[in-house]
Amino acid sequence: MTERGGIPNFDRLLAKKRAGIAARHLVSLLTDDAVRELMADDQTETRRFATEELKRRGLE
């Protein structure tokens, strides 16, 4: 376990957070139809990003 700043697994948590930020950014670049297609994805996190983006665009 990596521990930095007293937080176990800090590096792994930071990488996961950065991946989430990058995924949200990529979803924001997609067309409306492509975002809707992501809603059919089996990955819960992917659906969540797509749902957030549709709400942000006022399309949900």
PDB file of N, CA and C in Angstrom:
ATOM      1  N   MET A   1       0.828  -1.175   0.000  1.00  0.00           N
ATOM      2  CA  MET A   1       0.000   0.000   0.000  1.00  0.00           C
ATOM      3  C   MET A   1       0.877   1.245   0.000  1.00  0.00           C
ATOM      4  N   THR A   2       0.574   2.128  -0.890  1.00  0.00           N
ATOM      5  CA  THR A   2       1.265   3.408  -0.908  1.00  0.00           C
ATOM      6  C   THR A   2       0.557   4.345   0.049  1.00  0.00           C
ATOM      7  N   GLU A   3       1.338   5.065   0.814  1.00  0.00           N
ATOM      8  CA  GLU A   3       0.722   6.022   1.717  1.00  0.00           C
ATOM      9  C   GLU A   3       1.446   7.351   1.567  1.00  0.00           C
ATOM     10  N   ARG A   4       0.679   8.356   1.240  1.00  0.00           N
ATOM     11  CA  ARG A   4       1.236   9.694   1.122  1.00  0.00           C
ATOM     12  C   ARG A   4       0.281  10.643   1.835  1.00  0.00           C
ATOM     13  N   GLY A   5       0.795  11.488   2.637  1.00  0.00           N
ATOM     14  CA  GLY A   5      -0.057  12.409   3.372  1.00  0.00           C
ATOM     15  C   GLY A   5      -0.988  11.706   4.345  1.00  0.00           C
ATOM     16  N   GLY A   6      -0.592  10.522   4.795  1.00  0.00           N
ATOM     17  CA  GLY A   6      -1.415   9.789   5.749  1.00  0.00           C
ATOM     18  C   GLY A   6      -2.611   9.096   5.133  1.00  0.00           C
ATOM     19  N   ILE A   7      -2.710   9.068   3.801  1.00  0.00           N
ATOM     20  CA  ILE A   7      -3.860   8.451   3.131  1.00  0.00           C
ATOM     21  C   ILE A   7      -3.402   7.153   2.455  1.00  0.00           C
ATOM     22  N   PRO A   8      -3.907   6.005   2.923  1.00  0.00           N
ATOM     23  CA  PRO A   8      -3.549   4.737   2.280  1.00  0.00           C
ATOM     24  C   PRO A   8      -3.993   4.731   0.818  1.00  0.00           C
ATOM     25  N   ASN A   9      -3.193   4.163  -0.049  1.00  0.00           N
ATOM     26  CA  ASN A   9      -3.498   4.037  -1.483  1.00  0.00           C
ATOM     27  C   ASN A   9      -3.700   5.393  -2.158  1.00  0.00           C
ATOM     28  N   PHE A  10      -3.014   6.413  -1.693  1.00  0.00           N
ATOM     29  CA  PHE A  10      -3.190   7.763  -2.217  1.00  0.00           C
ATOM     30  C   PHE A  10      -2.965   7.822  -3.722  1.00  0.00           C
ATOM     31  N   ASP A  11      -1.873   7.202  -4.197  1.00  0.00           N
ATOM     32  CA  ASP A  11      -1.562   7.257  -5.630  1.00  0.00           C
ATOM     33  C   ASP A  11      -2.657   6.615  -6.473  1.00  0.00           C
ATOM     34  N   ARG A  12      -3.185   5.497  -6.003  1.00  0.00           N
ATOM     35  CA  ARG A  12      -4.259   4.819  -6.735  1.00  0.00           C
ATOM     36  C   ARG A  12      -5.524   5.669  -6.746  1.00  0.00           C
ATOM     37  N   LEU A  13      -5.855   6.265  -5.621  1.00  0.00           N
ATOM     38  CA  LEU A  13      -7.035   7.122  -5.542  1.00  0.00           C
ATOM     39  C   LEU A  13      -6.886   8.351  -6.429  1.00  0.00           C
ATOM     40  N   LEU A  14      -5.694   8.931  -6.451  1.00  0.00           N
ATOM     41  CA  LEU A  14      -5.436  10.091  -7.292  1.00  0.00           C
ATOM     42  C   LEU A  14      -5.557   9.720  -8.769  1.00  0.00           C
ATOM     43  N   ALA A  15      -5.025   8.579  -9.149  1.00  0.00           N
ATOM     44  CA  ALA A  15      -5.123   8.128 -10.546  1.00  0.00           C
ATOM     45  C   ALA A  15      -6.582   7.904 -10.936  1.00  0.00           C
ATOM     46  N   LYS A  16      -7.359   7.331 -10.034  1.00  0.00           N
ATOM     47  CA  LYS A  16      -8.777   7.090 -10.316  1.00  0.00           C
ATOM     48  C   LYS A  16      -9.511   8.419 -10.484  1.00  0.00           C
ATOM     49  N   LYS A  17      -9.201   9.384  -9.643  1.00  0.00           N
ATOM     50  CA  LYS A  17      -9.834  10.705  -9.730  1.00  0.00           C
ATOM     51  C   LYS A  17      -9.480  11.373 -11.059  1.00  0.00           C
ATOM     52  N   ARG A  18      -8.212  11.306 -11.440  1.00  0.00           N
ATOM     53  CA  ARG A  18      -7.782  11.904 -12.710  1.00  0.00           C
ATOM     54  C   ARG A  18      -8.443  11.215 -13.894  1.00  0.00           C
ATOM     55  N   ALA A  19      -8.607   9.903 -13.829  1.00  0.00           N
ATOM     56  CA  ALA A  19      -9.264   9.170 -14.910  1.00  0.00           C
ATOM     57  C   ALA A  19     -10.720   9.606 -15.026  1.00  0.00           C
ATOM     58  N   GLY A  20     -11.369   9.827 -13.900  1.00  0.00           N
ATOM     59  CA  GLY A  20     -12.759  10.287 -13.909  1.00  0.00           C
ATOM     60  C   GLY A  20     -12.891  11.670 -14.524  1.00  0.00           C
ATOM     61  N   ILE A  21     -11.956  12.548 -14.199  1.00  0.00           N
ATOM     62  CA  ILE A  21     -11.974  13.899 -14.766  1.00  0.00           C
ATOM     63  C   ILE A  21     -11.768  13.829 -16.276  1.00  0.00           C
ATOM     64  N   ALA A  22     -10.827  13.001 -16.714  1.00  0.00           N
ATOM     65  CA  ALA A  22     -10.571  12.853 -18.145  1.00  0.00           C
ATOM     66  C   ALA A  22     -11.786  12.265 -18.857  1.00  0.00           C
ATOM     67  N   ALA A  23     -12.425  11.278 -18.246  1.00  0.00           N
ATOM     68  CA  ALA A  23     -13.610  10.670 -18.856  1.00  0.00           C
ATOM     69  C   ALA A  23     -14.735  11.684 -18.996  1.00  0.00           C
ATOM     70  N   ARG A  24     -14.946  12.495 -17.969  1.00  0.00           N
ATOM     71  CA  ARG A  24     -15.990  13.531 -18.053  1.00  0.00           C
ATOM     72  C   ARG A  24     -15.687  14.509 -19.177  1.00  0.00           C
ATOM     73  N   HIS A  25     -14.424  14.878 -19.293  1.00  0.00           N
ATOM     74  CA  HIS A  25     -14.042  15.816 -20.352  1.00  0.00           C
ATOM     75  C   HIS A  25     -14.295  15.207 -21.729  1.00  0.00           C
ATOM     76  N   LEU A  26     -13.922  13.951 -21.906  1.00  0.00           N
ATOM     77  CA  LEU A  26     -14.140  13.293 -23.196  1.00  0.00           C
ATOM     78  C   LEU A  26     -15.623  13.195 -23.526  1.00  0.00           C
ATOM     79  N   VAL A  27     -16.437  12.869 -22.533  1.00  0.00           N
ATOM     80  CA  VAL A  27     -17.881  12.788 -22.763  1.00  0.00           C
ATOM     81  C   VAL A  27     -18.422  14.155 -23.173  1.00  0.00           C
ATOM     82  N   SER A  28     -17.886  15.213 -22.591  1.00  0.00           N
ATOM     83  CA  SER A  28     -18.368  16.556 -22.916  1.00  0.00           C
ATOM     84  C   SER A  28     -18.071  16.937 -24.361  1.00  0.00           C
ATOM     85  N   LEU A  29     -17.112  16.276 -24.988  1.00  0.00           N
ATOM     86  CA  LEU A  29     -16.760  16.569 -26.374  1.00  0.00           C
ATOM     87  C   LEU A  29     -17.623  15.813 -27.382  1.00  0.00           C
ATOM     88  N   LEU A  30     -18.389  14.831 -26.922  1.00  0.00           N
ATOM     89  CA  LEU A  30     -19.200  14.011 -27.814  1.00  0.00           C
ATOM     90  C   LEU A  30     -20.460  14.745 -28.266  1.00  0.00           C
ATOM     91  N   THR A  31     -21.019  14.274 -29.373  1.00  0.00           N
ATOM     92  CA  THR A  31     -22.294  14.813 -29.841  1.00  0.00           C
ATOM     93  C   THR A  31     -23.413  14.309 -28.931  1.00  0.00           C
ATOM     94  N   ASP A  32     -24.562  14.942 -29.015  1.00  0.00           N
ATOM     95  CA  ASP A  32     -25.707  14.537 -28.193  1.00  0.00           C
ATOM     96  C   ASP A  32     -26.069  13.072 -28.429  1.00  0.00           C
ATOM     97  N   ASP A  33     -26.076  12.650 -29.685  1.00  0.00           N
ATOM     98  CA  ASP A  33     -26.431  11.263 -30.001  1.00  0.00           C
ATOM     99  C   ASP A  33     -25.411  10.284 -29.431  1.00  0.00           C
ATOM    100  N   ALA A  34     -24.146  10.638 -29.488  1.00  0.00           N
ATOM    101  CA  ALA A  34     -23.109   9.755 -28.943  1.00  0.00           C
ATOM    102  C   ALA A  34     -23.243   9.632 -27.426  1.00  0.00           C
ATOM    103  N   VAL A  35     -23.590  10.723 -26.766  1.00  0.00           N
ATOM    104  CA  VAL A  35     -23.789  10.676 -25.313  1.00  0.00           C
ATOM    105  C   VAL A  35     -24.979   9.777 -24.990  1.00  0.00           C
ATOM    106  N   ARG A  36     -26.032   9.871 -25.771  1.00  0.00           N
ATOM    107  CA  ARG A  36     -27.204   8.998 -25.551  1.00  0.00           C
ATOM    108  C   ARG A  36     -26.824   7.528 -25.729  1.00  0.00           C
ATOM    109  N   GLU A  37     -25.953   7.246 -26.685  1.00  0.00           N
ATOM    110  CA  GLU A  37     -25.512   5.862 -26.890  1.00  0.00           C
ATOM    111  C   GLU A  37     -24.754   5.345 -25.670  1.00  0.00           C
ATOM    112  N   LEU A  38     -24.011   6.210 -25.006  1.00  0.00           N
ATOM    113  CA  LEU A  38     -23.298   5.791 -23.800  1.00  0.00           C
ATOM    114  C   LEU A  38     -24.248   5.354 -22.699  1.00  0.00           C
ATOM    115  N   MET A  39     -25.461   5.862 -22.732  1.00  0.00           N
ATOM    116  CA  MET A  39     -26.441   5.484 -21.720  1.00  0.00           C
ATOM    117  C   MET A  39     -26.743   3.985 -21.768  1.00  0.00           C
ATOM    118  N   ALA A  40     -26.527   3.354 -22.889  1.00  0.00           N
ATOM    119  CA  ALA A  40     -26.780   1.925 -23.031  1.00  0.00           C
ATOM    120  C   ALA A  40     -25.595   1.083 -22.546  1.00  0.00           C
ATOM    121  N   ASP A  41     -24.492   1.725 -22.183  1.00  0.00           N
ATOM    122  CA  ASP A  41     -23.290   1.016 -21.740  1.00  0.00           C
ATOM    123  C   ASP A  41     -23.560   0.281 -20.427  1.00  0.00           C
ATOM    124  N   ASP A  42     -22.935  -0.869 -20.269  1.00  0.00           N
ATOM    125  CA  ASP A  42     -23.115  -1.674 -19.057  1.00  0.00           C
ATOM    126  C   ASP A  42     -22.331  -1.134 -17.869  1.00  0.00           C
ATOM    127  N   GLN A  43     -21.374  -0.281 -18.100  1.00  0.00           N
ATOM    128  CA  GLN A  43     -20.550   0.262 -17.020  1.00  0.00           C
ATOM    129  C   GLN A  43     -21.302   1.382 -16.303  1.00  0.00           C
ATOM    130  N   THR A  44     -21.547   1.215 -15.037  1.00  0.00           N
ATOM    131  CA  THR A  44     -22.309   2.184 -14.252  1.00  0.00           C
ATOM    132  C   THR A  44     -21.681   3.568 -14.305  1.00  0.00           C
ATOM    133  N   GLU A  45     -20.351   3.641 -14.193  1.00  0.00           N
ATOM    134  CA  GLU A  45     -19.685   4.933 -14.191  1.00  0.00           C
ATOM    135  C   GLU A  45     -19.851   5.645 -15.532  1.00  0.00           C
ATOM    136  N   THR A  46     -19.792   4.891 -16.622  1.00  0.00           N
ATOM    137  CA  THR A  46     -19.983   5.479 -17.945  1.00  0.00           C
ATOM    138  C   THR A  46     -21.382   6.051 -18.081  1.00  0.00           C
ATOM    139  N   ARG A  47     -22.373   5.302 -17.624  1.00  0.00           N
ATOM    140  CA  ARG A  47     -23.757   5.802 -17.657  1.00  0.00           C
ATOM    141  C   ARG A  47     -23.899   7.061 -16.810  1.00  0.00           C
ATOM    142  N   ARG A  48     -23.230   7.083 -15.669  1.00  0.00           N
ATOM    143  CA  ARG A  48     -23.304   8.259 -14.791  1.00  0.00           C
ATOM    144  C   ARG A  48     -22.720   9.482 -15.485  1.00  0.00           C
ATOM    145  N   PHE A  49     -21.578   9.327 -16.153  1.00  0.00           N
ATOM    146  CA  PHE A  49     -20.972  10.451 -16.878  1.00  0.00           C
ATOM    147  C   PHE A  49     -21.914  10.940 -17.976  1.00  0.00           C
ATOM    148  N   ALA A  50     -22.522   9.995 -18.694  1.00  0.00           N
ATOM    149  CA  ALA A  50     -23.440  10.358 -19.778  1.00  0.00           C
ATOM    150  C   ALA A  50     -24.673  11.075 -19.222  1.00  0.00           C
ATOM    151  N   THR A  51     -25.202  10.587 -18.110  1.00  0.00           N
ATOM    152  CA  THR A  51     -26.367  11.219 -17.489  1.00  0.00           C
ATOM    153  C   THR A  51     -26.041  12.641 -17.053  1.00  0.00           C
ATOM    154  N   GLU A  52     -24.876  12.816 -16.424  1.00  0.00           N
ATOM    155  CA  GLU A  52     -24.459  14.152 -15.996  1.00  0.00           C
ATOM    156  C   GLU A  52     -24.346  15.097 -17.190  1.00  0.00           C
ATOM    157  N   GLU A  53     -23.793  14.584 -18.279  1.00  0.00           N
ATOM    158  CA  GLU A  53     -23.598  15.428 -19.463  1.00  0.00           C
ATOM    159  C   GLU A  53     -24.943  15.808 -20.089  1.00  0.00           C
ATOM    160  N   LEU A  54     -25.863  14.857 -20.170  1.00  0.00           N
ATOM    161  CA  LEU A  54     -27.186  15.172 -20.729  1.00  0.00           C
ATOM    162  C   LEU A  54     -27.905  16.203 -19.866  1.00  0.00           C
ATOM    163  N   LYS A  55     -27.780  16.083 -18.547  1.00  0.00           N
ATOM    164  CA  LYS A  55     -28.392  17.072 -17.650  1.00  0.00           C
ATOM    165  C   LYS A  55     -27.751  18.439 -17.873  1.00  0.00           C
ATOM    166  N   ARG A  56     -26.425  18.458 -18.003  1.00  0.00           N
ATOM    167  CA  ARG A  56     -25.713  19.715 -18.200  1.00  0.00           C
ATOM    168  C   ARG A  56     -26.172  20.397 -19.487  1.00  0.00           C
ATOM    169  N   ARG A  57     -26.436  19.592 -20.505  1.00  0.00           N
ATOM    170  CA  ARG A  57     -26.881  20.129 -21.792  1.00  0.00           C
ATOM    171  C   ARG A  57     -28.380  20.424 -21.809  1.00  0.00           C
ATOM    172  N   GLY A  58     -29.093  20.017 -20.773  1.00  0.00           N
ATOM    173  CA  GLY A  58     -30.537  20.230 -20.713  1.00  0.00           C
ATOM    174  C   GLY A  58     -31.311  19.305 -21.629  1.00  0.00           C
ATOM    175  N   LEU A  59     -30.779  18.111 -21.880  1.00  0.00           N
ATOM    176  CA  LEU A  59     -31.407  17.172 -22.814  1.00  0.00           C
ATOM    177  C   LEU A  59     -32.075  15.993 -22.123  1.00  0.00           C
ATOM    178  N   GLU A  60     -31.975  15.908 -20.823  1.00  0.00           N
ATOM    179  CA  GLU A  60     -32.548  14.742 -20.153  1.00  0.00           C
ATOM    180  C   GLU A  60     -33.971  15.003 -19.750  1.00  0.00           C
TER     181      GLU A  60
END
